[in-house]
Amino acid sequence: HVRALRAAPPPAPRRLHRLPDSDELATPLPGPAA
């Protein structure tokens, strides 16, 4: 647990749509701004 407190959150899964809660949002903003 001490090591986990110092670690960063894990990377995003390759297939986000397989998570229990997922969605897609369209926006005219560029990726970094979104």
PDB file of all heavy atoms in Angstrom:
ATOM      1  N   HIS A   1       0.831  -1.204   0.000  1.00  0.00           N
ATOM      2  CA  HIS A   1       0.000   0.000   0.000  1.00  0.00           C
ATOM      3  C   HIS A   1       0.867   1.257   0.000  1.00  0.00           C
ATOM      4  O   HIS A   1       0.532   2.248  -0.658  1.00  0.00           O
ATOM      5  CB  HIS A   1      -0.915  -0.017   1.223  1.00  0.00           C
ATOM      6  CG  HIS A   1      -1.835   1.158   1.310  1.00  0.00           C
ATOM      7  ND1 HIS A   1      -2.722   1.508   0.315  1.00  0.00           N
ATOM      8  CD2 HIS A   1      -1.999   2.094   2.289  1.00  0.00           C
ATOM      9  CE1 HIS A   1      -3.399   2.581   0.669  1.00  0.00           C
ATOM     10  NE2 HIS A   1      -2.969   2.961   1.862  1.00  0.00           N
ATOM     11  N   VAL A   2       1.981   1.232   0.731  1.00  0.00           N
ATOM     12  CA  VAL A   2       2.888   2.393   0.726  1.00  0.00           C
ATOM     13  C   VAL A   2       3.437   2.620  -0.682  1.00  0.00           C
ATOM     14  O   VAL A   2       3.520   3.767  -1.153  1.00  0.00           O
ATOM     15  CB  VAL A   2       4.020   2.170   1.755  1.00  0.00           C
ATOM     16  CG1 VAL A   2       5.087   3.252   1.612  1.00  0.00           C
ATOM     17  CG2 VAL A   2       3.458   2.177   3.172  1.00  0.00           C
ATOM     18  N   ARG A   3       3.808   1.547  -1.370  1.00  0.00           N
ATOM     19  CA  ARG A   3       4.287   1.707  -2.748  1.00  0.00           C
ATOM     20  C   ARG A   3       3.184   2.222  -3.660  1.00  0.00           C
ATOM     21  O   ARG A   3       3.434   3.051  -4.549  1.00  0.00           O
ATOM     22  CB  ARG A   3       4.807   0.363  -3.265  1.00  0.00           C
ATOM     23  CG  ARG A   3       6.119  -0.085  -2.641  1.00  0.00           C
ATOM     24  CD  ARG A   3       6.727  -1.240  -3.414  1.00  0.00           C
ATOM     25  NE  ARG A   3       5.860  -2.413  -3.383  1.00  0.00           N
ATOM     26  CZ  ARG A   3       5.954  -3.387  -2.476  1.00  0.00           C
ATOM     27  NH1 ARG A   3       6.872  -3.312  -1.520  1.00  0.00           N
ATOM     28  NH2 ARG A   3       5.150  -4.425  -2.519  1.00  0.00           N
ATOM     29  N   ALA A   4       1.946   1.758  -3.436  1.00  0.00           N
ATOM     30  CA  ALA A   4       0.834   2.215  -4.272  1.00  0.00           C
ATOM     31  C   ALA A   4       0.525   3.686  -4.042  1.00  0.00           C
ATOM     32  O   ALA A   4       0.117   4.400  -4.976  1.00  0.00           O
ATOM     33  CB  ALA A   4      -0.407   1.366  -3.992  1.00  0.00           C
ATOM     34  N   LEU A   5       0.708   4.171  -2.810  1.00  0.00           N
ATOM     35  CA  LEU A   5       0.456   5.587  -2.547  1.00  0.00           C
ATOM     36  C   LEU A   5       1.430   6.479  -3.317  1.00  0.00           C
ATOM     37  O   LEU A   5       1.073   7.608  -3.701  1.00  0.00           O
ATOM     38  CB  LEU A   5       0.567   5.858  -1.050  1.00  0.00           C
ATOM     39  CG  LEU A   5      -0.553   5.312  -0.163  1.00  0.00           C
ATOM     40  CD1 LEU A   5      -0.248   5.581   1.303  1.00  0.00           C
ATOM     41  CD2 LEU A   5      -1.900   5.926  -0.535  1.00  0.00           C
ATOM     42  N   ARG A   6       2.647   5.987  -3.535  1.00  0.00           N
ATOM     43  CA  ARG A   6       3.634   6.785  -4.253  1.00  0.00           C
ATOM     44  C   ARG A   6       3.514   6.636  -5.766  1.00  0.00           C
ATOM     45  O   ARG A   6       4.082   7.449  -6.503  1.00  0.00           O
ATOM     46  CB  ARG A   6       5.036   6.357  -3.820  1.00  0.00           C
ATOM     47  CG  ARG A   6       5.315   6.583  -2.343  1.00  0.00           C
ATOM     48  CD  ARG A   6       6.697   6.078  -1.969  1.00  0.00           C
ATOM     49  NE  ARG A   6       7.003   6.298  -0.556  1.00  0.00           N
ATOM     50  CZ  ARG A   6       8.132   5.926   0.021  1.00  0.00           C
ATOM     51  NH1 ARG A   6       9.067   5.295  -0.694  1.00  0.00           N
ATOM     52  NH2 ARG A   6       8.330   6.159   1.307  1.00  0.00           N
ATOM     53  N   ALA A   7       2.821   5.616  -6.228  1.00  0.00           N
ATOM     54  CA  ALA A   7       2.729   5.359  -7.668  1.00  0.00           C
ATOM     55  C   ALA A   7       1.636   6.215  -8.298  1.00  0.00           C
ATOM     56  O   ALA A   7       0.681   6.638  -7.635  1.00  0.00           O
ATOM     57  CB  ALA A   7       2.438   3.879  -7.914  1.00  0.00           C
ATOM     58  N   ALA A   8       1.794   6.490  -9.590  1.00  0.00           N
ATOM     59  CA  ALA A   8       0.801   7.246 -10.340  1.00  0.00           C
ATOM     60  C   ALA A   8      -0.374   6.349 -10.712  1.00  0.00           C
ATOM     61  O   ALA A   8      -0.249   5.118 -10.708  1.00  0.00           O
ATOM     62  CB  ALA A   8       1.435   7.824 -11.611  1.00  0.00           C
ATOM     63  N   PRO A   9      -1.532   6.917 -11.003  1.00  0.00           N
ATOM     64  CA  PRO A   9      -2.656   6.102 -11.463  1.00  0.00           C
ATOM     65  C   PRO A   9      -2.266   5.301 -12.705  1.00  0.00           C
ATOM     66  O   PRO A   9      -1.450   5.739 -13.515  1.00  0.00           O
ATOM     67  CB  PRO A   9      -3.739   7.138 -11.777  1.00  0.00           C
ATOM     68  CG  PRO A   9      -3.400   8.320 -10.939  1.00  0.00           C
ATOM     69  CD  PRO A   9      -1.908   8.341 -10.870  1.00  0.00           C
ATOM     70  N   PRO A  10      -2.815   4.111 -12.883  1.00  0.00           N
ATOM     71  CA  PRO A  10      -2.423   3.258 -14.017  1.00  0.00           C
ATOM     72  C   PRO A  10      -2.874   3.860 -15.350  1.00  0.00           C
ATOM     73  O   PRO A  10      -3.795   4.685 -15.398  1.00  0.00           O
ATOM     74  CB  PRO A  10      -3.144   1.944 -13.716  1.00  0.00           C
ATOM     75  CG  PRO A  10      -4.316   2.335 -12.881  1.00  0.00           C
ATOM     76  CD  PRO A  10      -3.857   3.486 -12.047  1.00  0.00           C
ATOM     77  N   PRO A  11      -2.241   3.451 -16.456  1.00  0.00           N
ATOM     78  CA  PRO A  11      -2.662   3.960 -17.772  1.00  0.00           C
ATOM     79  C   PRO A  11      -4.087   3.531 -18.099  1.00  0.00           C
ATOM     80  O   PRO A  11      -4.623   2.575 -17.547  1.00  0.00           O
ATOM     81  CB  PRO A  11      -1.646   3.326 -18.730  1.00  0.00           C
ATOM     82  CG  PRO A  11      -0.504   2.895 -17.871  1.00  0.00           C
ATOM     83  CD  PRO A  11      -1.067   2.592 -16.533  1.00  0.00           C
ATOM     84  N   ALA A  12      -4.687   4.259 -19.021  1.00  0.00           N
ATOM     85  CA  ALA A  12      -6.049   3.942 -19.442  1.00  0.00           C
ATOM     86  C   ALA A  12      -6.058   2.621 -20.195  1.00  0.00           C
ATOM     87  O   ALA A  12      -5.136   2.302 -20.952  1.00  0.00           O
ATOM     88  CB  ALA A  12      -6.592   5.059 -20.325  1.00  0.00           C
ATOM     89  N   PRO A  13      -7.079   1.789 -19.998  1.00  0.00           N
ATOM     90  CA  PRO A  13      -7.174   0.535 -20.753  1.00  0.00           C
ATOM     91  C   PRO A  13      -7.262   0.782 -22.256  1.00  0.00           C
ATOM     92  O   PRO A  13      -7.736   1.832 -22.705  1.00  0.00           O
ATOM     93  CB  PRO A  13      -8.453  -0.105 -20.198  1.00  0.00           C
ATOM     94  CG  PRO A  13      -8.723   0.571 -18.903  1.00  0.00           C
ATOM     95  CD  PRO A  13      -8.180   1.950 -19.032  1.00  0.00           C
ATOM     96  N   ARG A  14      -6.815  -0.198 -23.009  1.00  0.00           N
ATOM     97  CA  ARG A  14      -6.835  -0.035 -24.464  1.00  0.00           C
ATOM     98  C   ARG A  14      -8.260   0.055 -24.978  1.00  0.00           C
ATOM     99  O   ARG A  14      -8.547   0.813 -25.902  1.00  0.00           O
ATOM    100  CB  ARG A  14      -6.115  -1.216 -25.111  1.00  0.00           C
ATOM    101  CG  ARG A  14      -6.020  -1.125 -26.631  1.00  0.00           C
ATOM    102  CD  ARG A  14      -5.234  -2.286 -27.199  1.00  0.00           C
ATOM    103  NE  ARG A  14      -3.896  -2.321 -26.628  1.00  0.00           N
ATOM    104  CZ  ARG A  14      -3.013  -3.288 -26.905  1.00  0.00           C
ATOM    105  NH1 ARG A  14      -3.340  -4.298 -27.713  1.00  0.00           N
ATOM    106  NH2 ARG A  14      -1.802  -3.242 -26.360  1.00  0.00           N
ATOM    107  N   ARG A  15      -9.174  -0.697 -24.383  1.00  0.00           N
ATOM    108  CA  ARG A  15     -10.574  -0.708 -24.831  1.00  0.00           C
ATOM    109  C   ARG A  15     -11.432  -0.158 -23.691  1.00  0.00           C
ATOM    110  O   ARG A  15     -11.897  -0.904 -22.831  1.00  0.00           O
ATOM    111  CB  ARG A  15     -11.005  -2.112 -25.215  1.00  0.00           C
ATOM    112  CG  ARG A  15     -10.224  -2.675 -26.399  1.00  0.00           C
ATOM    113  CD  ARG A  15     -10.632  -4.122 -26.686  1.00  0.00           C
ATOM    114  NE  ARG A  15      -9.916  -4.645 -27.835  1.00  0.00           N
ATOM    115  CZ  ARG A  15      -8.714  -5.191 -27.797  1.00  0.00           C
ATOM    116  NH1 ARG A  15      -8.068  -5.256 -26.637  1.00  0.00           N
ATOM    117  NH2 ARG A  15      -8.145  -5.659 -28.897  1.00  0.00           N
ATOM    118  N   LEU A  16     -11.629   1.131 -23.714  1.00  0.00           N
ATOM    119  CA  LEU A  16     -12.398   1.776 -22.640  1.00  0.00           C
ATOM    120  C   LEU A  16     -13.854   1.340 -22.631  1.00  0.00           C
ATOM    121  O   LEU A  16     -14.513   1.366 -21.591  1.00  0.00           O
ATOM    122  CB  LEU A  16     -12.320   3.299 -22.779  1.00  0.00           C
ATOM    123  CG  LEU A  16     -11.003   3.952 -22.354  1.00  0.00           C
ATOM    124  CD1 LEU A  16     -11.028   5.442 -22.679  1.00  0.00           C
ATOM    125  CD2 LEU A  16     -10.761   3.755 -20.873  1.00  0.00           C
ATOM    126  N   HIS A  17     -14.384   0.940 -23.793  1.00  0.00           N
ATOM    127  CA  HIS A  17     -15.805   0.604 -23.856  1.00  0.00           C
ATOM    128  C   HIS A  17     -16.118  -0.690 -23.096  1.00  0.00           C
ATOM    129  O   HIS A  17     -17.298  -1.011 -22.883  1.00  0.00           O
ATOM    130  CB  HIS A  17     -16.252   0.455 -25.315  1.00  0.00           C
ATOM    131  CG  HIS A  17     -15.551  -0.653 -26.048  1.00  0.00           C
ATOM    132  ND1 HIS A  17     -14.298  -0.492 -26.625  1.00  0.00           N
ATOM    133  CD2 HIS A  17     -15.928  -1.947 -26.287  1.00  0.00           C
ATOM    134  CE1 HIS A  17     -13.939  -1.644 -27.195  1.00  0.00           C
ATOM    135  NE2 HIS A  17     -14.901  -2.531 -27.007  1.00  0.00           N
ATOM    136  N   ARG A  18     -15.103  -1.433 -22.678  1.00  0.00           N
ATOM    137  CA  ARG A  18     -15.343  -2.651 -21.912  1.00  0.00           C
ATOM    138  C   ARG A  18     -15.467  -2.405 -20.410  1.00  0.00           C
ATOM    139  O   ARG A  18     -15.779  -3.326 -19.657  1.00  0.00           O
ATOM    140  CB  ARG A  18     -14.220  -3.651 -22.161  1.00  0.00           C
ATOM    141  CG  ARG A  18     -14.201  -4.188 -23.584  1.00  0.00           C
ATOM    142  CD  ARG A  18     -13.193  -5.303 -23.721  1.00  0.00           C
ATOM    143  NE  ARG A  18     -13.185  -5.879 -25.048  1.00  0.00           N
ATOM    144  CZ  ARG A  18     -12.411  -6.886 -25.442  1.00  0.00           C
ATOM    145  NH1 ARG A  18     -11.562  -7.425 -24.561  1.00  0.00           N
ATOM    146  NH2 ARG A  18     -12.468  -7.361 -26.668  1.00  0.00           N
ATOM    147  N   LEU A  19     -15.222  -1.189 -19.985  1.00  0.00           N
ATOM    148  CA  LEU A  19     -15.396  -0.874 -18.567  1.00  0.00           C
ATOM    149  C   LEU A  19     -16.874  -0.894 -18.198  1.00  0.00           C
ATOM    150  O   LEU A  19     -17.744  -0.716 -19.071  1.00  0.00           O
ATOM    151  CB  LEU A  19     -14.790   0.491 -18.249  1.00  0.00           C
ATOM    152  CG  LEU A  19     -13.270   0.598 -18.350  1.00  0.00           C
ATOM    153  CD1 LEU A  19     -12.827   2.024 -18.069  1.00  0.00           C
ATOM    154  CD2 LEU A  19     -12.581  -0.367 -17.394  1.00  0.00           C
ATOM    155  N   PRO A  20     -17.197  -1.092 -16.908  1.00  0.00           N
ATOM    156  CA  PRO A  20     -18.615  -1.129 -16.509  1.00  0.00           C
ATOM    157  C   PRO A  20     -19.368   0.140 -16.881  1.00  0.00           C
ATOM    158  O   PRO A  20     -20.557   0.071 -17.222  1.00  0.00           O
ATOM    159  CB  PRO A  20     -18.539  -1.304 -14.985  1.00  0.00           C
ATOM    160  CG  PRO A  20     -17.220  -1.946 -14.741  1.00  0.00           C
ATOM    161  CD  PRO A  20     -16.304  -1.410 -15.780  1.00  0.00           C
ATOM    162  N   ASP A  21     -18.714   1.288 -16.797  1.00  0.00           N
ATOM    163  CA  ASP A  21     -19.335   2.570 -17.178  1.00  0.00           C
ATOM    164  C   ASP A  21     -18.437   3.225 -18.212  1.00  0.00           C
ATOM    165  O   ASP A  21     -17.262   3.505 -17.950  1.00  0.00           O
ATOM    166  CB  ASP A  21     -19.489   3.490 -15.959  1.00  0.00           C
ATOM    167  CG  ASP A  21     -20.426   2.907 -14.915  1.00  0.00           C
ATOM    168  OD1 ASP A  21     -21.515   2.474 -15.303  1.00  0.00           O
ATOM    169  OD2 ASP A  21     -20.049   2.886 -13.725  1.00  0.00           O
ATOM    170  N   SER A  22     -18.975   3.479 -19.399  1.00  0.00           N
ATOM    171  CA  SER A  22     -18.192   4.122 -20.462  1.00  0.00           C
ATOM    172  C   SER A  22     -19.129   4.891 -21.383  1.00  0.00           C
ATOM    173  O   SER A  22     -20.338   4.625 -21.446  1.00  0.00           O
ATOM    174  CB  SER A  22     -17.407   3.080 -21.263  1.00  0.00           C
ATOM    175  OG  SER A  22     -18.291   2.162 -21.889  1.00  0.00           O
ATOM    176  N   ASP A  23     -18.564   5.860 -22.098  1.00  0.00           N
ATOM    177  CA  ASP A  23     -19.347   6.691 -23.013  1.00  0.00           C
ATOM    178  C   ASP A  23     -18.376   7.414 -23.939  1.00  0.00           C
ATOM    179  O   ASP A  23     -17.150   7.416 -23.703  1.00  0.00           O
ATOM    180  CB  ASP A  23     -20.187   7.702 -22.224  1.00  0.00           C
ATOM    181  CG  ASP A  23     -21.359   8.236 -23.041  1.00  0.00           C
ATOM    182  OD1 ASP A  23     -21.451   7.879 -24.237  1.00  0.00           O
ATOM    183  OD2 ASP A  23     -22.154   9.009 -22.488  1.00  0.00           O
ATOM    184  N   GLU A  24     -18.918   8.009 -24.988  1.00  0.00           N
ATOM    185  CA  GLU A  24     -18.138   8.815 -25.925  1.00  0.00           C
ATOM    186  C   GLU A  24     -18.792  10.179 -26.060  1.00  0.00           C
ATOM    187  O   GLU A  24     -20.018  10.282 -26.218  1.00  0.00           O
ATOM    188  CB  GLU A  24     -18.046   8.138 -27.293  1.00  0.00           C
ATOM    189  CG  GLU A  24     -17.178   6.896 -27.296  1.00  0.00           C
ATOM    190  CD  GLU A  24     -16.969   6.346 -28.703  1.00  0.00           C
ATOM    191  OE1 GLU A  24     -17.676   6.815 -29.623  1.00  0.00           O
ATOM    192  OE2 GLU A  24     -16.108   5.465 -28.882  1.00  0.00           O
ATOM    193  N   LEU A  25     -17.976  11.231 -25.983  1.00  0.00           N
ATOM    194  CA  LEU A  25     -18.460  12.603 -26.059  1.00  0.00           C
ATOM    195  C   LEU A  25     -17.791  13.282 -27.247  1.00  0.00           C
ATOM    196  O   LEU A  25     -16.563  13.232 -27.390  1.00  0.00           O
ATOM    197  CB  LEU A  25     -18.137  13.369 -24.770  1.00  0.00           C
ATOM    198  CG  LEU A  25     -18.589  12.723 -23.449  1.00  0.00           C
ATOM    199  CD1 LEU A  25     -18.128  13.562 -22.271  1.00  0.00           C
ATOM    200  CD2 LEU A  25     -20.100  12.571 -23.425  1.00  0.00           C
ATOM    201  N   ALA A  26     -18.585  13.903 -28.103  1.00  0.00           N
ATOM    202  CA  ALA A  26     -18.056  14.655 -29.252  1.00  0.00           C
ATOM    203  C   ALA A  26     -17.960  16.123 -28.885  1.00  0.00           C
ATOM    204  O   ALA A  26     -18.873  16.693 -28.260  1.00  0.00           O
ATOM    205  CB  ALA A  26     -18.952  14.466 -30.469  1.00  0.00           C
ATOM    206  N   THR A  27     -16.849  16.755 -29.271  1.00  0.00           N
ATOM    207  CA  THR A  27     -16.635  18.168 -28.966  1.00  0.00           C
ATOM    208  C   THR A  27     -15.804  18.795 -30.088  1.00  0.00           C
ATOM    209  O   THR A  27     -14.944  18.128 -30.682  1.00  0.00           O
ATOM    210  CB  THR A  27     -15.917  18.329 -27.619  1.00  0.00           C
ATOM    211  OG1 THR A  27     -15.639  19.709 -27.399  1.00  0.00           O
ATOM    212  CG2 THR A  27     -14.633  17.546 -27.575  1.00  0.00           C
ATOM    213  N   PRO A  28     -16.075  20.040 -30.398  1.00  0.00           N
ATOM    214  CA  PRO A  28     -15.252  20.712 -31.419  1.00  0.00           C
ATOM    215  C   PRO A  28     -13.871  21.105 -30.915  1.00  0.00           C
ATOM    216  O   PRO A  28     -13.034  21.547 -31.690  1.00  0.00           O
ATOM    217  CB  PRO A  28     -16.088  21.943 -31.788  1.00  0.00           C
ATOM    218  CG  PRO A  28     -16.935  22.216 -30.595  1.00  0.00           C
ATOM    219  CD  PRO A  28     -17.230  20.868 -29.997  1.00  0.00           C
ATOM    220  N   LEU A  29     -13.623  20.945 -29.602  1.00  0.00           N
ATOM    221  CA  LEU A  29     -12.323  21.311 -29.055  1.00  0.00           C
ATOM    222  C   LEU A  29     -11.245  20.347 -29.540  1.00  0.00           C
ATOM    223  O   LEU A  29     -11.524  19.159 -29.786  1.00  0.00           O
ATOM    224  CB  LEU A  29     -12.362  21.283 -27.524  1.00  0.00           C
ATOM    225  CG  LEU A  29     -13.228  22.327 -26.819  1.00  0.00           C
ATOM    226  CD1 LEU A  29     -13.279  22.042 -25.331  1.00  0.00           C
ATOM    227  CD2 LEU A  29     -12.681  23.721 -27.080  1.00  0.00           C
ATOM    228  N   PRO A  30     -10.021  20.810 -29.682  1.00  0.00           N
ATOM    229  CA  PRO A  30      -8.926  19.876 -29.971  1.00  0.00           C
ATOM    230  C   PRO A  30      -8.683  18.955 -28.784  1.00  0.00           C
ATOM    231  O   PRO A  30      -9.104  19.226 -27.661  1.00  0.00           O
ATOM    232  CB  PRO A  30      -7.739  20.799 -30.237  1.00  0.00           C
ATOM    233  CG  PRO A  30      -8.083  22.085 -29.562  1.00  0.00           C
ATOM    234  CD  PRO A  30      -9.584  22.213 -29.636  1.00  0.00           C
ATOM    235  N   GLY A  31      -7.989  17.842 -29.022  1.00  0.00           N
ATOM    236  CA  GLY A  31      -7.791  16.827 -27.992  1.00  0.00           C
ATOM    237  C   GLY A  31      -7.187  17.344 -26.717  1.00  0.00           C
ATOM    238  O   GLY A  31      -7.741  17.121 -25.623  1.00  0.00           O
ATOM    239  N   PRO A  32      -6.035  18.055 -26.749  1.00  0.00           N
ATOM    240  CA  PRO A  32      -5.456  18.544 -25.488  1.00  0.00           C
ATOM    241  C   PRO A  32      -6.388  19.478 -24.732  1.00  0.00           C
ATOM    242  O   PRO A  32      -6.453  19.430 -23.495  1.00  0.00           O
ATOM    243  CB  PRO A  32      -4.185  19.252 -25.941  1.00  0.00           C
ATOM    244  CG  PRO A  32      -3.821  18.595 -27.235  1.00  0.00           C
ATOM    245  CD  PRO A  32      -5.128  18.282 -27.892  1.00  0.00           C
ATOM    246  N   ALA A  33      -7.124  20.344 -25.458  1.00  0.00           N
ATOM    247  CA  ALA A  33      -8.050  21.262 -24.778  1.00  0.00           C
ATOM    248  C   ALA A  33      -9.189  20.503 -24.120  1.00  0.00           C
ATOM    249  O   ALA A  33      -9.634  20.842 -23.009  1.00  0.00           O
ATOM    250  CB  ALA A  33      -8.580  22.296 -25.770  1.00  0.00           C
ATOM    251  N   ALA A  34      -9.693  19.456 -24.796  1.00  0.00           N
ATOM    252  CA  ALA A  34     -10.770  18.660 -24.205  1.00  0.00           C
ATOM    253  C   ALA A  34     -10.293  17.954 -22.939  1.00  0.00           C
ATOM    254  O   ALA A  34     -11.004  17.899 -21.929  1.00  0.00           O
ATOM    255  CB  ALA A  34     -11.281  17.648 -25.224  1.00  0.00           C
TER     256      ALA A  34
END
